Amino acid sequence: MKFECPNCKKAGAIEDSKVPDGGVYANCPNCQTRFLIKIQRDDFSFTPAQEEQRQRPQASVETNRVAQSSIGVGEPMTFSKSIATCFSKYFTFGGRASRAEFWWFFLFTFLLELGSGFADSTGVLGWIITLVTLIPSLSVGSRRLHDTNRSGWWQLVSLTGIGILLLIYQWVCKSDEQANRFGSPVKGARQQNLWLYSGSGNLPSS
């Protein structure tokens, strides 16, 4: 960038990259006058960082909303997606599962058991359904506990009978929003509250 000495009016030049955020003091090579150099445009002074930000195209609020909503959120867990996920992770006891994934699959197994009771009075169909869904139920239960930063071995307390109440409480607990010893947060588990934002300028950070 070019500059002009405020004393002798002699012109000079300096690379933009050598001007830090707060400007830089320089000595005029002609009269040795010391003065502050900043990037100047339209009678306003801008530091290099401010100038870069000023010239950068500003995205609209709606564009920012869409971009932010796609980060770390993912598609919401649905009934059918929960079933597909749990069966695809049949023997996967590691990792994390959101509340939606666990409780949709719980509802699925409950409806199967309920339907089998009406369809087959012998109970054979119910036993078959139990055997097929037992392992994925245990694995998603373990992952749900991991999502609350608890060990999957807590499922053993259900063997005491009364312990099932404690286990249900742990299953309904809120997800750990931070990465824990079992992995990163599940995408889609926490929806960002973007639709209530109606201001202008930069979106609030999450």
N, C-alpha and C. Protein backbone atom coordinates (compact mmCIF):
# COMPACT_ATOMS: atom_id res chain seq x y z
N MET A 1 0.84 -1.18 0.00
CA MET A 1 0.00 0.00 0.00
C MET A 1 0.89 1.25 0.00
N LYS A 2 0.37 2.35 -0.55
CA LYS A 2 1.12 3.61 -0.59
C LYS A 2 0.73 4.48 0.60
N PHE A 3 1.66 5.29 1.04
CA PHE A 3 1.38 6.23 2.12
C PHE A 3 2.08 7.55 1.81
N GLU A 4 1.70 8.56 2.54
CA GLU A 4 2.27 9.89 2.37
C GLU A 4 2.66 10.44 3.72
N CYS A 5 3.86 10.95 3.85
CA CYS A 5 4.34 11.51 5.11
C CYS A 5 3.51 12.75 5.45
N PRO A 6 2.95 12.81 6.67
CA PRO A 6 2.13 13.97 7.03
C PRO A 6 2.93 15.26 7.19
N ASN A 7 4.28 15.14 7.24
CA ASN A 7 5.11 16.32 7.44
C ASN A 7 5.65 16.87 6.12
N CYS A 8 6.39 16.03 5.40
CA CYS A 8 7.01 16.52 4.17
C CYS A 8 6.24 16.12 2.92
N LYS A 9 5.18 15.34 3.09
CA LYS A 9 4.31 14.92 2.00
C LYS A 9 5.01 14.01 1.00
N LYS A 10 6.15 13.42 1.40
CA LYS A 10 6.85 12.52 0.50
C LYS A 10 6.13 11.17 0.49
N ALA A 11 5.95 10.60 -0.70
CA ALA A 11 5.23 9.33 -0.85
C ALA A 11 6.15 8.16 -0.56
N GLY A 12 5.55 7.08 -0.09
CA GLY A 12 6.28 5.85 0.17
C GLY A 12 5.35 4.66 -0.01
N ALA A 13 5.85 3.49 0.24
CA ALA A 13 5.05 2.27 0.08
C ALA A 13 5.48 1.25 1.11
N ILE A 14 4.52 0.40 1.49
CA ILE A 14 4.78 -0.67 2.44
C ILE A 14 3.84 -1.81 2.12
N GLU A 15 4.30 -3.03 2.33
CA GLU A 15 3.45 -4.19 2.07
C GLU A 15 2.34 -4.28 3.12
N ASP A 16 1.13 -4.60 2.64
CA ASP A 16 -0.01 -4.72 3.55
C ASP A 16 0.24 -5.74 4.64
N SER A 17 0.96 -6.82 4.29
CA SER A 17 1.20 -7.90 5.26
C SER A 17 2.07 -7.45 6.42
N LYS A 18 2.78 -6.32 6.25
CA LYS A 18 3.65 -5.84 7.30
C LYS A 18 2.93 -4.88 8.25
N VAL A 19 1.67 -4.60 7.97
CA VAL A 19 0.89 -3.73 8.83
C VAL A 19 0.06 -4.60 9.77
N PRO A 20 0.35 -4.65 11.07
CA PRO A 20 -0.42 -5.49 12.01
C PRO A 20 -1.81 -4.90 12.25
N ASP A 21 -2.60 -5.61 13.09
CA ASP A 21 -3.97 -5.20 13.34
C ASP A 21 -4.08 -3.77 13.86
N GLY A 22 -3.17 -3.37 14.75
CA GLY A 22 -3.27 -2.04 15.33
C GLY A 22 -2.52 -0.97 14.56
N GLY A 23 -2.03 -1.32 13.35
CA GLY A 23 -1.23 -0.38 12.58
C GLY A 23 0.23 -0.50 12.95
N VAL A 24 1.09 0.30 12.28
CA VAL A 24 2.53 0.23 12.54
C VAL A 24 3.11 1.64 12.44
N TYR A 25 4.03 1.96 13.35
CA TYR A 25 4.71 3.24 13.30
C TYR A 25 5.91 3.13 12.36
N ALA A 26 6.09 4.14 11.52
CA ALA A 26 7.20 4.14 10.57
C ALA A 26 7.86 5.51 10.57
N ASN A 27 9.12 5.56 10.16
CA ASN A 27 9.85 6.82 10.03
C ASN A 27 9.94 7.20 8.57
N CYS A 28 9.63 8.44 8.27
CA CYS A 28 9.73 8.92 6.89
C CYS A 28 11.18 8.87 6.45
N PRO A 29 11.49 8.26 5.31
CA PRO A 29 12.89 8.18 4.86
C PRO A 29 13.48 9.53 4.48
N ASN A 30 12.61 10.54 4.35
CA ASN A 30 13.09 11.86 3.93
C ASN A 30 13.33 12.78 5.12
N CYS A 31 12.30 12.95 5.98
CA CYS A 31 12.43 13.90 7.10
C CYS A 31 12.49 13.20 8.46
N GLN A 32 12.43 11.88 8.47
CA GLN A 32 12.52 11.08 9.68
C GLN A 32 11.36 11.32 10.65
N THR A 33 10.24 11.86 10.14
CA THR A 33 9.06 12.02 10.97
C THR A 33 8.44 10.66 11.26
N ARG A 34 8.10 10.43 12.53
CA ARG A 34 7.51 9.14 12.93
C ARG A 34 5.98 9.29 12.93
N PHE A 35 5.31 8.37 12.27
CA PHE A 35 3.85 8.44 12.18
C PHE A 35 3.27 7.04 12.07
N LEU A 36 1.96 6.95 12.36
CA LEU A 36 1.25 5.67 12.36
C LEU A 36 0.67 5.37 10.99
N ILE A 37 0.92 4.16 10.51
CA ILE A 37 0.39 3.75 9.21
C ILE A 37 -0.75 2.77 9.42
N LYS A 38 -1.89 3.08 8.84
CA LYS A 38 -3.03 2.17 8.80
C LYS A 38 -3.55 2.12 7.38
N ILE A 39 -4.29 1.04 7.08
CA ILE A 39 -4.93 0.97 5.78
C ILE A 39 -6.11 1.93 5.78
N GLN A 40 -6.16 2.83 4.83
CA GLN A 40 -7.20 3.84 4.79
C GLN A 40 -8.01 3.73 3.50
N ARG A 41 -9.32 3.79 3.65
CA ARG A 41 -10.25 3.77 2.52
C ARG A 41 -11.38 4.73 2.82
N ASP A 42 -11.72 5.57 1.90
CA ASP A 42 -12.89 6.46 2.01
C ASP A 42 -12.88 7.26 3.31
N ASP A 43 -11.70 7.79 3.68
CA ASP A 43 -11.55 8.63 4.87
C ASP A 43 -11.76 7.87 6.18
N PHE A 44 -11.79 6.57 6.14
CA PHE A 44 -11.89 5.77 7.35
C PHE A 44 -10.64 4.90 7.44
N SER A 45 -10.18 4.66 8.64
CA SER A 45 -9.00 3.83 8.84
C SER A 45 -9.41 2.41 9.18
N PHE A 46 -8.79 1.46 8.50
CA PHE A 46 -9.07 0.05 8.74
C PHE A 46 -7.76 -0.69 8.93
N THR A 47 -7.73 -1.59 9.88
CA THR A 47 -6.59 -2.48 10.01
C THR A 47 -6.70 -3.52 8.90
N PRO A 48 -5.64 -4.27 8.60
CA PRO A 48 -5.72 -5.29 7.54
C PRO A 48 -6.83 -6.30 7.78
N ALA A 49 -6.99 -6.74 9.04
CA ALA A 49 -8.05 -7.72 9.33
C ALA A 49 -9.42 -7.11 9.08
N GLN A 50 -9.60 -5.83 9.48
CA GLN A 50 -10.88 -5.16 9.26
C GLN A 50 -11.14 -4.95 7.78
N GLU A 51 -10.08 -4.61 7.05
CA GLU A 51 -10.25 -4.39 5.61
C GLU A 51 -10.66 -5.67 4.89
N GLU A 52 -10.05 -6.81 5.28
CA GLU A 52 -10.40 -8.08 4.68
C GLU A 52 -11.84 -8.45 4.98
N GLN A 53 -12.26 -8.21 6.24
CA GLN A 53 -13.63 -8.51 6.63
C GLN A 53 -14.61 -7.60 5.90
N ARG A 54 -14.22 -6.30 5.70
CA ARG A 54 -15.11 -5.34 5.05
C ARG A 54 -15.34 -5.70 3.58
N GLN A 55 -14.30 -6.21 2.92
CA GLN A 55 -14.40 -6.52 1.50
C GLN A 55 -14.95 -7.91 1.23
N ARG A 56 -15.03 -8.73 2.26
CA ARG A 56 -15.55 -10.08 2.09
C ARG A 56 -17.07 -10.03 1.93
N PRO A 57 -17.61 -10.74 0.95
CA PRO A 57 -19.08 -10.75 0.78
C PRO A 57 -19.75 -11.28 2.02
N GLN A 58 -20.76 -10.56 2.50
CA GLN A 58 -21.47 -10.96 3.70
C GLN A 58 -22.65 -11.84 3.33
N ALA A 59 -22.70 -13.03 3.93
CA ALA A 59 -23.82 -13.94 3.67
C ALA A 59 -25.06 -13.42 4.37
N SER A 60 -26.19 -13.72 3.82
CA SER A 60 -27.46 -13.31 4.40
C SER A 60 -27.72 -14.09 5.68
N VAL A 61 -28.64 -13.57 6.51
CA VAL A 61 -29.00 -14.25 7.76
C VAL A 61 -29.55 -15.64 7.47
N GLU A 62 -30.37 -15.75 6.43
CA GLU A 62 -30.97 -17.04 6.10
C GLU A 62 -29.91 -18.03 5.67
N THR A 63 -28.90 -17.55 4.90
CA THR A 63 -27.81 -18.44 4.48
C THR A 63 -27.02 -18.90 5.69
N ASN A 64 -26.74 -17.97 6.62
CA ASN A 64 -26.03 -18.34 7.83
C ASN A 64 -26.82 -19.35 8.64
N ARG A 65 -28.15 -19.16 8.69
CA ARG A 65 -29.01 -20.07 9.45
C ARG A 65 -28.92 -21.48 8.89
N VAL A 66 -28.97 -21.60 7.56
CA VAL A 66 -28.90 -22.91 6.93
C VAL A 66 -27.56 -23.55 7.16
N ALA A 67 -26.48 -22.73 7.03
CA ALA A 67 -25.15 -23.27 7.22
C ALA A 67 -24.94 -23.73 8.64
N GLN A 68 -25.41 -22.94 9.62
CA GLN A 68 -25.22 -23.32 11.01
C GLN A 68 -26.05 -24.52 11.39
N SER A 69 -27.25 -24.60 10.82
CA SER A 69 -28.13 -25.70 11.19
C SER A 69 -27.63 -27.03 10.68
N SER A 70 -26.71 -26.99 9.68
CA SER A 70 -26.21 -28.24 9.12
C SER A 70 -24.98 -28.76 9.84
N ILE A 71 -24.48 -27.96 10.81
CA ILE A 71 -23.28 -28.35 11.52
C ILE A 71 -23.64 -29.12 12.78
N GLY A 72 -23.25 -30.38 12.83
CA GLY A 72 -23.42 -31.15 14.04
C GLY A 72 -24.84 -31.48 14.39
N VAL A 73 -25.80 -31.25 13.48
CA VAL A 73 -27.19 -31.53 13.81
C VAL A 73 -27.65 -32.81 13.16
N GLY A 74 -27.50 -32.92 11.84
CA GLY A 74 -27.89 -34.14 11.15
C GLY A 74 -29.39 -34.29 11.03
N GLU A 75 -29.82 -35.36 10.40
CA GLU A 75 -31.25 -35.61 10.21
C GLU A 75 -31.87 -36.10 11.52
N PRO A 76 -33.11 -35.71 11.79
CA PRO A 76 -33.77 -36.16 13.02
C PRO A 76 -34.04 -37.66 12.98
N MET A 77 -34.00 -38.29 14.14
CA MET A 77 -34.25 -39.73 14.24
C MET A 77 -35.74 -39.99 14.19
N THR A 78 -36.16 -40.82 13.27
CA THR A 78 -37.56 -41.18 13.12
C THR A 78 -37.78 -42.63 13.54
N PHE A 79 -39.06 -43.02 13.56
CA PHE A 79 -39.41 -44.39 13.96
C PHE A 79 -38.74 -45.41 13.04
N SER A 80 -38.90 -45.23 11.73
CA SER A 80 -38.33 -46.18 10.78
C SER A 80 -36.80 -46.14 10.78
N LYS A 81 -36.24 -44.93 10.92
CA LYS A 81 -34.78 -44.81 10.94
C LYS A 81 -34.20 -45.46 12.19
N SER A 82 -34.92 -45.37 13.29
CA SER A 82 -34.45 -46.00 14.52
C SER A 82 -34.39 -47.52 14.37
N ILE A 83 -35.41 -48.09 13.76
CA ILE A 83 -35.43 -49.54 13.55
C ILE A 83 -34.28 -49.98 12.66
N ALA A 84 -34.10 -49.24 11.56
CA ALA A 84 -33.01 -49.57 10.62
C ALA A 84 -31.65 -49.43 11.30
N THR A 85 -31.48 -48.39 12.10
CA THR A 85 -30.20 -48.15 12.78
C THR A 85 -29.89 -49.25 13.80
N CYS A 86 -30.89 -49.60 14.60
CA CYS A 86 -30.67 -50.60 15.64
C CYS A 86 -30.37 -51.98 15.08
N PHE A 87 -31.04 -52.33 13.98
CA PHE A 87 -30.76 -53.64 13.37
C PHE A 87 -29.43 -53.64 12.62
N SER A 88 -29.05 -52.47 12.08
CA SER A 88 -27.75 -52.40 11.40
C SER A 88 -26.60 -52.42 12.41
N LYS A 89 -26.90 -52.04 13.65
CA LYS A 89 -25.90 -52.08 14.74
C LYS A 89 -26.25 -53.22 15.70
N TYR A 90 -26.62 -54.35 15.16
CA TYR A 90 -27.13 -55.49 15.93
C TYR A 90 -26.21 -55.85 17.10
N PHE A 91 -24.91 -55.97 16.80
CA PHE A 91 -23.95 -56.37 17.83
C PHE A 91 -23.05 -55.20 18.27
N THR A 92 -23.46 -53.96 17.97
CA THR A 92 -22.64 -52.81 18.31
C THR A 92 -23.01 -52.28 19.69
N PHE A 93 -22.21 -52.62 20.67
CA PHE A 93 -22.46 -52.15 22.03
C PHE A 93 -21.68 -50.89 22.35
N GLY A 94 -20.73 -50.53 21.47
CA GLY A 94 -19.96 -49.31 21.67
C GLY A 94 -20.61 -48.13 20.98
N GLY A 95 -20.14 -46.94 21.31
CA GLY A 95 -20.69 -45.73 20.71
C GLY A 95 -21.86 -45.18 21.52
N ARG A 96 -22.62 -44.29 20.89
CA ARG A 96 -23.69 -43.60 21.59
C ARG A 96 -24.99 -43.64 20.79
N ALA A 97 -26.12 -43.56 21.49
CA ALA A 97 -27.44 -43.54 20.86
C ALA A 97 -28.29 -42.47 21.54
N SER A 98 -29.00 -41.70 20.74
CA SER A 98 -29.84 -40.64 21.28
C SER A 98 -31.08 -41.22 21.95
N ARG A 99 -31.78 -40.36 22.69
CA ARG A 99 -33.02 -40.80 23.31
C ARG A 99 -34.04 -41.23 22.27
N ALA A 100 -34.11 -40.49 21.15
CA ALA A 100 -35.07 -40.82 20.10
C ALA A 100 -34.80 -42.20 19.52
N GLU A 101 -33.53 -42.50 19.27
CA GLU A 101 -33.18 -43.81 18.72
C GLU A 101 -33.59 -44.93 19.66
N PHE A 102 -33.31 -44.76 20.95
CA PHE A 102 -33.62 -45.80 21.93
C PHE A 102 -35.13 -45.98 22.10
N TRP A 103 -35.84 -44.88 22.34
CA TRP A 103 -37.26 -45.01 22.67
C TRP A 103 -38.12 -45.36 21.46
N TRP A 104 -37.74 -44.98 20.26
CA TRP A 104 -38.47 -45.44 19.07
C TRP A 104 -38.32 -46.95 18.93
N PHE A 105 -37.12 -47.45 19.17
CA PHE A 105 -36.92 -48.90 19.06
C PHE A 105 -37.63 -49.63 20.19
N PHE A 106 -37.67 -49.04 21.37
CA PHE A 106 -38.41 -49.61 22.49
C PHE A 106 -39.89 -49.72 22.14
N LEU A 107 -40.44 -48.67 21.53
CA LEU A 107 -41.84 -48.69 21.11
C LEU A 107 -42.07 -49.77 20.05
N PHE A 108 -41.13 -49.91 19.14
CA PHE A 108 -41.23 -50.93 18.09
C PHE A 108 -41.31 -52.34 18.69
N THR A 109 -40.42 -52.65 19.62
CA THR A 109 -40.43 -53.99 20.23
C THR A 109 -41.68 -54.20 21.08
N PHE A 110 -42.15 -53.14 21.74
CA PHE A 110 -43.36 -53.25 22.55
C PHE A 110 -44.57 -53.56 21.68
N LEU A 111 -44.68 -52.88 20.54
CA LEU A 111 -45.80 -53.11 19.63
C LEU A 111 -45.74 -54.51 19.03
N LEU A 112 -44.52 -55.00 18.75
CA LEU A 112 -44.38 -56.37 18.22
C LEU A 112 -44.85 -57.39 19.26
N GLU A 113 -44.43 -57.21 20.49
CA GLU A 113 -44.83 -58.14 21.54
C GLU A 113 -46.34 -58.08 21.77
N LEU A 114 -46.88 -56.88 21.74
CA LEU A 114 -48.32 -56.71 21.93
C LEU A 114 -49.10 -57.36 20.80
N GLY A 115 -48.63 -57.16 19.58
CA GLY A 115 -49.31 -57.76 18.43
C GLY A 115 -49.22 -59.26 18.42
N SER A 116 -48.07 -59.80 18.85
CA SER A 116 -47.91 -61.25 18.86
C SER A 116 -48.84 -61.90 19.86
N GLY A 117 -49.15 -61.18 20.95
CA GLY A 117 -50.07 -61.72 21.95
C GLY A 117 -51.47 -61.90 21.40
N PHE A 118 -51.89 -61.02 20.51
CA PHE A 118 -53.20 -61.14 19.88
C PHE A 118 -53.19 -62.14 18.73
N ALA A 119 -52.06 -62.22 18.02
CA ALA A 119 -52.00 -63.06 16.83
C ALA A 119 -51.73 -64.52 17.14
N ASP A 120 -51.05 -64.81 18.24
CA ASP A 120 -50.65 -66.18 18.55
C ASP A 120 -50.88 -66.45 20.04
N SER A 121 -51.87 -67.20 20.33
CA SER A 121 -52.21 -67.51 21.72
C SER A 121 -51.25 -68.49 22.35
N THR A 122 -50.45 -69.19 21.55
CA THR A 122 -49.51 -70.18 22.09
C THR A 122 -48.27 -69.51 22.68
N GLY A 123 -47.99 -68.30 22.26
CA GLY A 123 -46.82 -67.60 22.77
C GLY A 123 -45.54 -67.88 22.02
N VAL A 124 -45.61 -68.76 21.02
CA VAL A 124 -44.40 -69.11 20.26
C VAL A 124 -43.88 -67.90 19.48
N LEU A 125 -44.80 -67.18 18.84
CA LEU A 125 -44.40 -66.00 18.07
C LEU A 125 -43.76 -64.95 18.96
N GLY A 126 -44.29 -64.81 20.16
CA GLY A 126 -43.72 -63.85 21.10
C GLY A 126 -42.30 -64.19 21.48
N TRP A 127 -42.03 -65.49 21.68
CA TRP A 127 -40.67 -65.92 22.01
C TRP A 127 -39.71 -65.68 20.85
N ILE A 128 -40.19 -65.91 19.64
CA ILE A 128 -39.34 -65.67 18.46
C ILE A 128 -38.99 -64.18 18.35
N ILE A 129 -39.98 -63.33 18.55
CA ILE A 129 -39.75 -61.89 18.48
C ILE A 129 -38.77 -61.46 19.58
N THR A 130 -38.92 -62.03 20.76
CA THR A 130 -38.02 -61.70 21.87
C THR A 130 -36.59 -62.08 21.55
N LEU A 131 -36.40 -63.26 20.99
CA LEU A 131 -35.06 -63.73 20.64
C LEU A 131 -34.42 -62.86 19.56
N VAL A 132 -35.24 -62.45 18.58
CA VAL A 132 -34.71 -61.64 17.47
C VAL A 132 -34.34 -60.24 17.93
N THR A 133 -35.12 -59.65 18.84
CA THR A 133 -34.91 -58.26 19.24
C THR A 133 -34.11 -58.11 20.53
N LEU A 134 -33.75 -59.21 21.18
CA LEU A 134 -33.06 -59.13 22.47
C LEU A 134 -31.71 -58.43 22.35
N ILE A 135 -30.87 -58.93 21.44
CA ILE A 135 -29.52 -58.37 21.33
C ILE A 135 -29.53 -56.91 20.87
N PRO A 136 -30.28 -56.55 19.81
CA PRO A 136 -30.30 -55.12 19.44
C PRO A 136 -30.88 -54.24 20.53
N SER A 137 -31.80 -54.78 21.34
CA SER A 137 -32.34 -54.00 22.46
C SER A 137 -31.27 -53.75 23.52
N LEU A 138 -30.47 -54.78 23.79
CA LEU A 138 -29.39 -54.63 24.76
C LEU A 138 -28.30 -53.68 24.23
N SER A 139 -28.01 -53.79 22.94
CA SER A 139 -26.95 -52.95 22.38
C SER A 139 -27.36 -51.48 22.33
N VAL A 140 -28.62 -51.20 21.93
CA VAL A 140 -29.05 -49.80 21.90
C VAL A 140 -29.21 -49.27 23.32
N GLY A 141 -29.57 -50.14 24.27
CA GLY A 141 -29.64 -49.72 25.66
C GLY A 141 -28.28 -49.34 26.19
N SER A 142 -27.26 -50.10 25.79
CA SER A 142 -25.89 -49.79 26.19
C SER A 142 -25.43 -48.46 25.59
N ARG A 143 -25.72 -48.27 24.31
CA ARG A 143 -25.32 -47.02 23.64
C ARG A 143 -26.06 -45.82 24.23
N ARG A 144 -27.33 -46.02 24.65
CA ARG A 144 -28.09 -44.92 25.27
C ARG A 144 -27.46 -44.51 26.60
N LEU A 145 -27.00 -45.50 27.37
CA LEU A 145 -26.30 -45.20 28.62
C LEU A 145 -24.99 -44.48 28.34
N HIS A 146 -24.31 -44.90 27.29
CA HIS A 146 -23.06 -44.22 26.90
C HIS A 146 -23.33 -42.75 26.57
N ASP A 147 -24.49 -42.49 25.98
CA ASP A 147 -24.83 -41.13 25.58
C ASP A 147 -25.00 -40.22 26.79
N THR A 148 -25.27 -40.81 27.95
CA THR A 148 -25.39 -40.05 29.20
C THR A 148 -24.11 -40.16 30.02
N ASN A 149 -23.06 -40.68 29.40
CA ASN A 149 -21.74 -40.85 30.03
C ASN A 149 -21.79 -41.88 31.17
N ARG A 150 -22.59 -42.94 30.98
CA ARG A 150 -22.66 -44.05 31.93
C ARG A 150 -22.25 -45.35 31.24
N SER A 151 -21.77 -46.28 32.01
CA SER A 151 -21.37 -47.57 31.47
C SER A 151 -22.59 -48.39 31.07
N GLY A 152 -22.47 -49.16 30.00
CA GLY A 152 -23.55 -50.03 29.56
C GLY A 152 -23.83 -51.16 30.53
N TRP A 153 -22.87 -51.42 31.43
CA TRP A 153 -23.06 -52.49 32.42
C TRP A 153 -24.15 -52.15 33.44
N TRP A 154 -24.61 -50.89 33.44
CA TRP A 154 -25.70 -50.52 34.33
C TRP A 154 -26.98 -51.30 34.01
N GLN A 155 -27.06 -51.89 32.83
CA GLN A 155 -28.25 -52.66 32.47
C GLN A 155 -28.42 -53.88 33.37
N LEU A 156 -27.34 -54.30 34.00
CA LEU A 156 -27.42 -55.47 34.88
C LEU A 156 -28.27 -55.21 36.12
N VAL A 157 -28.48 -53.94 36.47
CA VAL A 157 -29.29 -53.66 37.66
C VAL A 157 -30.74 -54.07 37.45
N SER A 158 -31.14 -54.26 36.19
CA SER A 158 -32.52 -54.69 35.93
C SER A 158 -32.77 -56.10 36.45
N LEU A 159 -31.70 -56.87 36.65
CA LEU A 159 -31.84 -58.23 37.16
C LEU A 159 -32.33 -58.25 38.61
N THR A 160 -32.20 -57.13 39.28
CA THR A 160 -32.65 -57.07 40.68
C THR A 160 -34.15 -56.80 40.77
N GLY A 161 -34.78 -56.52 39.66
CA GLY A 161 -36.21 -56.22 39.67
C GLY A 161 -36.48 -54.76 39.91
N ILE A 162 -36.24 -54.29 41.11
CA ILE A 162 -36.46 -52.88 41.44
C ILE A 162 -35.49 -51.98 40.71
N GLY A 163 -34.34 -52.55 40.30
CA GLY A 163 -33.33 -51.78 39.60
C GLY A 163 -33.77 -51.29 38.24
N ILE A 164 -34.84 -51.88 37.69
CA ILE A 164 -35.33 -51.44 36.38
C ILE A 164 -35.78 -49.99 36.42
N LEU A 165 -36.25 -49.53 37.59
CA LEU A 165 -36.69 -48.14 37.73
C LEU A 165 -35.50 -47.18 37.59
N LEU A 166 -34.38 -47.55 38.20
CA LEU A 166 -33.17 -46.75 38.06
C LEU A 166 -32.69 -46.75 36.62
N LEU A 167 -32.78 -47.90 35.97
CA LEU A 167 -32.34 -48.01 34.59
C LEU A 167 -33.19 -47.15 33.65
N ILE A 168 -34.51 -47.17 33.87
CA ILE A 168 -35.40 -46.33 33.05
C ILE A 168 -35.06 -44.85 33.23
N TYR A 169 -34.77 -44.46 34.48
CA TYR A 169 -34.39 -43.07 34.74
C TYR A 169 -33.13 -42.70 33.95
N GLN A 170 -32.16 -43.61 33.93
CA GLN A 170 -30.91 -43.33 33.21
C GLN A 170 -31.15 -43.27 31.70
N TRP A 171 -32.07 -44.08 31.21
CA TRP A 171 -32.37 -44.06 29.78
C TRP A 171 -33.05 -42.77 29.33
N VAL A 172 -33.80 -42.14 30.23
CA VAL A 172 -34.50 -40.91 29.86
C VAL A 172 -33.67 -39.66 30.14
N CYS A 173 -32.50 -39.82 30.73
CA CYS A 173 -31.66 -38.66 31.03
C CYS A 173 -31.22 -37.96 29.75
N LYS A 174 -30.95 -36.68 29.89
CA LYS A 174 -30.51 -35.86 28.77
C LYS A 174 -29.15 -36.33 28.26
N SER A 175 -28.97 -36.19 26.95
CA SER A 175 -27.70 -36.58 26.33
C SER A 175 -26.57 -35.67 26.81
N ASP A 176 -25.40 -36.25 26.90
CA ASP A 176 -24.19 -35.47 27.19
C ASP A 176 -23.83 -34.71 25.92
N GLU A 177 -23.92 -33.38 25.96
CA GLU A 177 -23.71 -32.58 24.75
C GLU A 177 -22.25 -32.47 24.35
N GLN A 178 -21.36 -32.88 25.22
CA GLN A 178 -19.94 -32.84 24.90
C GLN A 178 -19.44 -34.25 24.57
N ALA A 179 -18.31 -34.30 23.90
CA ALA A 179 -17.68 -35.60 23.64
C ALA A 179 -17.28 -36.21 24.99
N ASN A 180 -17.55 -37.49 25.16
CA ASN A 180 -17.17 -38.16 26.39
C ASN A 180 -16.32 -39.39 26.07
N ARG A 181 -16.11 -40.24 27.05
CA ARG A 181 -15.23 -41.40 26.88
C ARG A 181 -15.79 -42.42 25.89
N PHE A 182 -17.09 -42.27 25.52
CA PHE A 182 -17.71 -43.23 24.61
C PHE A 182 -17.85 -42.68 23.19
N GLY A 183 -17.46 -41.43 22.97
CA GLY A 183 -17.52 -40.87 21.63
C GLY A 183 -18.11 -39.48 21.59
N SER A 184 -18.30 -38.98 20.38
CA SER A 184 -18.84 -37.64 20.16
C SER A 184 -20.36 -37.65 20.26
N PRO A 185 -20.98 -36.49 20.46
CA PRO A 185 -22.44 -36.42 20.53
C PRO A 185 -23.09 -36.94 19.26
N VAL A 186 -24.27 -37.52 19.39
CA VAL A 186 -24.98 -38.07 18.25
C VAL A 186 -25.56 -36.95 17.42
N LYS A 187 -25.32 -36.96 16.11
CA LYS A 187 -25.91 -35.94 15.24
C LYS A 187 -27.42 -36.09 15.22
N GLY A 188 -28.08 -34.94 15.34
CA GLY A 188 -29.54 -34.96 15.34
C GLY A 188 -30.13 -35.05 16.72
N ALA A 189 -29.27 -35.30 17.73
CA ALA A 189 -29.79 -35.44 19.09
C ALA A 189 -30.14 -34.10 19.70
N ARG A 190 -29.43 -33.05 19.30
CA ARG A 190 -29.68 -31.73 19.85
C ARG A 190 -29.96 -30.76 18.72
N GLN A 191 -31.18 -30.29 18.63
CA GLN A 191 -31.54 -29.33 17.61
C GLN A 191 -31.20 -27.93 18.07
N GLN A 192 -30.58 -27.14 17.20
CA GLN A 192 -30.23 -25.78 17.55
C GLN A 192 -31.44 -24.88 17.41
N ASN A 193 -31.61 -23.97 18.35
CA ASN A 193 -32.77 -23.10 18.37
C ASN A 193 -32.54 -21.91 17.45
N LEU A 194 -32.70 -22.15 16.13
CA LEU A 194 -32.42 -21.12 15.14
C LEU A 194 -33.66 -20.37 14.69
N TRP A 195 -34.81 -20.99 14.77
CA TRP A 195 -36.01 -20.38 14.20
C TRP A 195 -36.50 -19.22 15.05
N LEU A 196 -36.07 -19.10 16.30
CA LEU A 196 -36.49 -17.99 17.13
C LEU A 196 -35.65 -16.76 16.88
N TYR A 197 -34.58 -16.90 16.09
CA TYR A 197 -33.70 -15.77 15.83
C TYR A 197 -34.28 -14.92 14.71
N SER A 198 -34.51 -13.66 14.99
CA SER A 198 -35.12 -12.79 13.98
C SER A 198 -34.36 -11.49 13.82
N GLY A 199 -33.16 -11.39 14.39
CA GLY A 199 -32.38 -10.17 14.28
C GLY A 199 -31.64 -10.09 12.97
N SER A 200 -30.73 -9.14 12.89
CA SER A 200 -29.93 -8.97 11.69
C SER A 200 -28.47 -9.04 12.08
N GLY A 201 -27.61 -9.22 11.08
CA GLY A 201 -26.18 -9.30 11.34
C GLY A 201 -25.79 -10.73 11.61
N ASN A 202 -24.79 -10.88 12.48
CA ASN A 202 -24.26 -12.21 12.75
C ASN A 202 -25.20 -12.98 13.67
N LEU A 203 -25.31 -14.27 13.45
CA LEU A 203 -26.13 -15.12 14.30
C LEU A 203 -25.43 -15.33 15.63
N PRO A 204 -26.18 -15.52 16.71
CA PRO A 204 -25.55 -15.79 18.00
C PRO A 204 -24.85 -17.12 17.97
N SER A 205 -23.70 -17.20 18.64
CA SER A 205 -22.96 -18.46 18.67
C SER A 205 -23.66 -19.44 19.58
N SER A 206 -23.56 -20.75 19.24
CA SER A 206 -24.22 -21.79 20.05
C SER A 206 -23.33 -22.20 21.18
